[in-house]
Amino acid sequence: MNKLTTVLLGSTLLFGAVACDVARTSGDAPTSEGETVEQPAQVEDTLEDADSDLRQRQLNSDIRAREERNDVFGEQEQRDNSDLESEVRAKLEANIPRSKLTIDAENGAVFIRGTVPSEKEYSTIEPLAREITGVDTVQLEVEIVPGAES
């Protein structure tokens, strides 16, 4: 029974990791390079969910869990690409809730593209991303869409 449980749990985790190949702050953020947000003026639609207390707790819990796992299983400075993507996504989603951003990472280099509603939010993207351990460089392809501001 223990072997079956281990196989089922391992398969579920593997499937989840393969299915989540792009880290995005919202469901309509771009999924590939060169793609743009279809309706950038509707950035506000993600604000209610991102601002909820439950979602903020989930994002903070996700970040803490990854940090603790890295403390136990590896060097803090060495991060898998998927971990960097997920941690940067969570950090940006928690702090820039009206964004529609896609995050890709490769060997410490983080690429962020999408839209935000203001210059203020745009200017916080890179500093927030650099707060994540293991991020060496940040490249932005982000548009400011003023019509989405509240």
C-alpha atoms as a PDB file:
ATOM      1  CA  MET A   1       0.000   0.000   0.000  1.00  0.00           C
ATOM      2  CA  ASN A   2       2.854   2.395   0.832  1.00  0.00           C
ATOM      3  CA  LYS A   3       4.444   1.810  -2.585  1.00  0.00           C
ATOM      4  CA  LEU A   4       1.145   2.518  -4.334  1.00  0.00           C
ATOM      5  CA  THR A   5       0.685   5.724  -2.349  1.00  0.00           C
ATOM      6  CA  THR A   6       4.215   6.821  -3.217  1.00  0.00           C
ATOM      7  CA  VAL A   7       3.694   6.093  -6.926  1.00  0.00           C
ATOM      8  CA  LEU A   8       0.360   7.933  -7.012  1.00  0.00           C
ATOM      9  CA  LEU A   9       1.733  10.952  -5.143  1.00  0.00           C
ATOM     10  CA  GLY A  10       4.851  11.066  -7.316  1.00  0.00           C
ATOM     11  CA  SER A  11       2.780  10.834 -10.501  1.00  0.00           C
ATOM     12  CA  THR A  12       0.502  13.639  -9.341  1.00  0.00           C
ATOM     13  CA  LEU A  13       3.434  15.914  -8.539  1.00  0.00           C
ATOM     14  CA  LEU A  14       5.136  15.125 -11.850  1.00  0.00           C
ATOM     15  CA  PHE A  15       1.945  15.809 -13.791  1.00  0.00           C
ATOM     16  CA  GLY A  16       1.475  19.096 -11.939  1.00  0.00           C
ATOM     17  CA  ALA A  17       5.027  20.196 -12.658  1.00  0.00           C
ATOM     18  CA  VAL A  18       4.735  19.386 -16.369  1.00  0.00           C
ATOM     19  CA  ALA A  19       1.312  21.013 -16.705  1.00  0.00           C
ATOM     20  CA  CYS A  20       2.484  24.304 -15.133  1.00  0.00           C
ATOM     21  CA  ASP A  21       5.219  25.294 -17.555  1.00  0.00           C
ATOM     22  CA  VAL A  22       4.583  29.063 -17.449  1.00  0.00           C
ATOM     23  CA  ALA A  23       4.329  31.233 -14.334  1.00  0.00           C
ATOM     24  CA  ARG A  24       1.715  33.978 -14.800  1.00  0.00           C
ATOM     25  CA  THR A  25       0.193  36.526 -12.435  1.00  0.00           C
ATOM     26  CA  SER A  26      -3.212  36.191 -14.118  1.00  0.00           C
ATOM     27  CA  GLY A  27      -4.978  33.776 -16.435  1.00  0.00           C
ATOM     28  CA  ASP A  28      -4.855  36.165 -19.375  1.00  0.00           C
ATOM     29  CA  ALA A  29      -1.188  37.148 -19.092  1.00  0.00           C
ATOM     30  CA  PRO A  30       0.866  36.321 -22.215  1.00  0.00           C
ATOM     31  CA  THR A  31       1.960  32.681 -22.475  1.00  0.00           C
ATOM     32  CA  SER A  32       4.804  33.003 -24.971  1.00  0.00           C
ATOM     33  CA  GLU A  33       7.363  35.501 -26.182  1.00  0.00           C
ATOM     34  CA  GLY A  34       5.904  38.061 -28.559  1.00  0.00           C
ATOM     35  CA  GLU A  35       2.334  37.441 -27.393  1.00  0.00           C
ATOM     36  CA  THR A  36       0.437  40.381 -25.958  1.00  0.00           C
ATOM     37  CA  VAL A  37      -2.467  40.673 -23.568  1.00  0.00           C
ATOM     38  CA  GLU A  38      -5.679  40.525 -25.596  1.00  0.00           C
ATOM     39  CA  GLN A  39      -7.555  43.134 -23.551  1.00  0.00           C
ATOM     40  CA  PRO A  40      -4.943  45.037 -21.544  1.00  0.00           C
ATOM     41  CA  ALA A  41      -7.445  47.633 -20.322  1.00  0.00           C
ATOM     42  CA  GLN A  42      -9.147  44.915 -18.251  1.00  0.00           C
ATOM     43  CA  VAL A  43      -6.182  44.487 -15.906  1.00  0.00           C
ATOM     44  CA  GLU A  44      -8.522  45.598 -13.103  1.00  0.00           C
ATOM     45  CA  ASP A  45     -10.375  42.266 -13.354  1.00  0.00           C
ATOM     46  CA  THR A  46      -7.594  40.505 -11.429  1.00  0.00           C
ATOM     47  CA  LEU A  47      -7.531  43.054  -8.596  1.00  0.00           C
ATOM     48  CA  GLU A  48     -10.381  41.657  -6.488  1.00  0.00           C
ATOM     49  CA  ASP A  49      -8.925  38.138  -6.329  1.00  0.00           C
ATOM     50  CA  ALA A  50      -5.359  39.310  -5.767  1.00  0.00           C
ATOM     51  CA  ASP A  51      -6.369  41.727  -3.013  1.00  0.00           C
ATOM     52  CA  SER A  52      -8.311  39.135  -1.024  1.00  0.00           C
ATOM     53  CA  ASP A  53      -6.866  38.219   2.361  1.00  0.00           C
ATOM     54  CA  LEU A  54      -7.051  34.517   1.520  1.00  0.00           C
ATOM     55  CA  ARG A  55      -5.043  34.965  -1.692  1.00  0.00           C
ATOM     56  CA  GLN A  56      -2.416  37.063   0.081  1.00  0.00           C
ATOM     57  CA  ARG A  57      -2.012  34.339   2.716  1.00  0.00           C
ATOM     58  CA  GLN A  58      -1.721  31.685  -0.009  1.00  0.00           C
ATOM     59  CA  LEU A  59       0.996  33.642  -1.820  1.00  0.00           C
ATOM     60  CA  ASN A  60       2.974  34.271   1.361  1.00  0.00           C
ATOM     61  CA  SER A  61       2.635  30.620   2.363  1.00  0.00           C
ATOM     62  CA  ASP A  62       3.890  29.505  -1.061  1.00  0.00           C
ATOM     63  CA  ILE A  63       6.963  31.722  -0.767  1.00  0.00           C
ATOM     64  CA  ARG A  64       7.710  30.514   2.792  1.00  0.00           C
ATOM     65  CA  ALA A  65       7.295  26.853   1.821  1.00  0.00           C
ATOM     66  CA  ARG A  66       9.747  27.175  -1.067  1.00  0.00           C
ATOM     67  CA  GLU A  67      12.260  28.984   1.138  1.00  0.00           C
ATOM     68  CA  GLU A  68      11.995  26.287   3.813  1.00  0.00           C
ATOM     69  CA  ARG A  69      12.341  23.505   1.239  1.00  0.00           C
ATOM     70  CA  ASN A  70      15.474  25.132  -0.152  1.00  0.00           C
ATOM     71  CA  ASP A  71      16.874  25.479   3.386  1.00  0.00           C
ATOM     72  CA  VAL A  72      16.426  21.755   3.949  1.00  0.00           C
ATOM     73  CA  PHE A  73      17.281  20.260   0.538  1.00  0.00           C
ATOM     74  CA  GLY A  74      19.813  22.507  -1.100  1.00  0.00           C
ATOM     75  CA  GLU A  75      21.836  25.633  -1.280  1.00  0.00           C
ATOM     76  CA  GLN A  76      19.802  28.816  -0.992  1.00  0.00           C
ATOM     77  CA  GLU A  77      21.571  30.417  -3.971  1.00  0.00           C
ATOM     78  CA  GLN A  78      20.899  27.492  -6.325  1.00  0.00           C
ATOM     79  CA  ARG A  79      17.304  27.443  -7.546  1.00  0.00           C
ATOM     80  CA  ASP A  80      15.512  25.445 -10.201  1.00  0.00           C
ATOM     81  CA  ASN A  81      14.093  27.553 -13.016  1.00  0.00           C
ATOM     82  CA  SER A  82      10.548  26.556 -12.058  1.00  0.00           C
ATOM     83  CA  ASP A  83      11.156  27.600  -8.436  1.00  0.00           C
ATOM     84  CA  LEU A  84      12.446  31.009  -9.529  1.00  0.00           C
ATOM     85  CA  GLU A  85       9.443  31.470 -11.830  1.00  0.00           C
ATOM     86  CA  SER A  86       6.993  30.523  -9.108  1.00  0.00           C
ATOM     87  CA  GLU A  87       8.608  32.646  -6.395  1.00  0.00           C
ATOM     88  CA  VAL A  88       8.873  35.732  -8.628  1.00  0.00           C
ATOM     89  CA  ARG A  89       5.279  35.226  -9.803  1.00  0.00           C
ATOM     90  CA  ALA A  90       4.022  34.989  -6.232  1.00  0.00           C
ATOM     91  CA  LYS A  91       6.012  38.068  -5.169  1.00  0.00           C
ATOM     92  CA  LEU A  92       4.712  40.133  -8.094  1.00  0.00           C
ATOM     93  CA  GLU A  93       1.138  38.888  -7.742  1.00  0.00           C
ATOM     94  CA  ALA A  94       1.120  39.763  -4.041  1.00  0.00           C
ATOM     95  CA  ASN A  95       2.556  43.246  -4.541  1.00  0.00           C
ATOM     96  CA  ILE A  96       1.214  44.260  -7.971  1.00  0.00           C
ATOM     97  CA  PRO A  97      -2.281  42.735  -8.024  1.00  0.00           C
ATOM     98  CA  ARG A  98      -3.458  44.541 -11.168  1.00  0.00           C
ATOM     99  CA  SER A  99      -0.637  43.129 -13.290  1.00  0.00           C
ATOM    100  CA  LYS A 100      -0.862  40.640 -16.120  1.00  0.00           C
ATOM    101  CA  LEU A 101       2.665  39.287 -16.212  1.00  0.00           C
ATOM    102  CA  THR A 102       4.384  36.136 -17.418  1.00  0.00           C
ATOM    103  CA  ILE A 103       7.620  35.066 -15.781  1.00  0.00           C
ATOM    104  CA  ASP A 104      10.267  32.819 -17.331  1.00  0.00           C
ATOM    105  CA  ALA A 105      13.585  31.958 -15.678  1.00  0.00           C
ATOM    106  CA  GLU A 106      16.758  30.370 -16.917  1.00  0.00           C
ATOM    107  CA  ASN A 107      19.873  29.927 -14.780  1.00  0.00           C
ATOM    108  CA  GLY A 108      19.208  32.985 -12.608  1.00  0.00           C
ATOM    109  CA  ALA A 109      18.042  35.215 -15.465  1.00  0.00           C
ATOM    110  CA  VAL A 110      14.384  36.202 -15.122  1.00  0.00           C
ATOM    111  CA  PHE A 111      12.329  37.436 -18.090  1.00  0.00           C
ATOM    112  CA  ILE A 112       9.075  39.272 -17.319  1.00  0.00           C
ATOM    113  CA  ARG A 113       6.545  40.394 -19.941  1.00  0.00           C
ATOM    114  CA  GLY A 114       2.965  41.631 -19.928  1.00  0.00           C
ATOM    115  CA  THR A 115       1.123  44.746 -18.712  1.00  0.00           C
ATOM    116  CA  VAL A 116       0.710  46.883 -15.597  1.00  0.00           C
ATOM    117  CA  PRO A 117      -1.614  49.868 -15.094  1.00  0.00           C
ATOM    118  CA  SER A 118       0.882  52.525 -13.962  1.00  0.00           C
ATOM    119  CA  GLU A 119       4.481  53.707 -13.960  1.00  0.00           C
ATOM    120  CA  LYS A 120       4.594  53.223 -10.177  1.00  0.00           C
ATOM    121  CA  GLU A 121       3.764  49.535 -10.524  1.00  0.00           C
ATOM    122  CA  TYR A 122       6.147  49.168 -13.466  1.00  0.00           C
ATOM    123  CA  SER A 123       9.009  50.619 -11.417  1.00  0.00           C
ATOM    124  CA  THR A 124       8.474  48.050  -8.642  1.00  0.00           C
ATOM    125  CA  ILE A 125       8.737  44.969 -10.875  1.00  0.00           C
ATOM    126  CA  GLU A 126      12.522  44.674 -11.044  1.00  0.00           C
ATOM    127  CA  PRO A 127      13.236  45.445  -7.363  1.00  0.00           C
ATOM    128  CA  LEU A 128      10.600  42.934  -6.256  1.00  0.00           C
ATOM    129  CA  ALA A 129      11.978  40.236  -8.573  1.00  0.00           C
ATOM    130  CA  ARG A 130      15.524  40.842  -7.308  1.00  0.00           C
ATOM    131  CA  GLU A 131      14.356  40.209  -3.724  1.00  0.00           C
ATOM    132  CA  ILE A 132      14.072  36.515  -4.600  1.00  0.00           C
ATOM    133  CA  THR A 133      17.198  34.548  -3.756  1.00  0.00           C
ATOM    134  CA  GLY A 134      18.816  33.167  -6.906  1.00  0.00           C
ATOM    135  CA  VAL A 135      17.710  35.946  -9.283  1.00  0.00           C
ATOM    136  CA  ASP A 136      20.812  37.356 -10.988  1.00  0.00           C
ATOM    137  CA  THR A 137      19.334  39.460 -13.796  1.00  0.00           C
ATOM    138  CA  VAL A 138      15.873  40.760 -14.703  1.00  0.00           C
ATOM    139  CA  GLN A 139      14.736  41.646 -18.227  1.00  0.00           C
ATOM    140  CA  LEU A 140      11.414  43.433 -18.744  1.00  0.00           C
ATOM    141  CA  GLU A 141       9.076  43.537 -21.719  1.00  0.00           C
ATOM    142  CA  VAL A 142       6.207  45.180 -19.855  1.00  0.00           C
ATOM    143  CA  GLU A 143       3.752  47.771 -21.154  1.00  0.00           C
ATOM    144  CA  ILE A 144       2.037  50.377 -19.040  1.00  0.00           C
ATOM    145  CA  VAL A 145      -1.702  50.474 -19.760  1.00  0.00           C
ATOM    146  CA  PRO A 146      -3.014  53.596 -17.968  1.00  0.00           C
ATOM    147  CA  GLY A 147      -6.686  52.862 -18.715  1.00  0.00           C
ATOM    148  CA  ALA A 148      -6.647  50.066 -16.155  1.00  0.00           C
ATOM    149  CA  GLU A 149      -5.898  52.262 -13.136  1.00  0.00           C
ATOM    150  CA  SER A 150      -8.562  52.679 -10.477  1.00  0.00           C
END
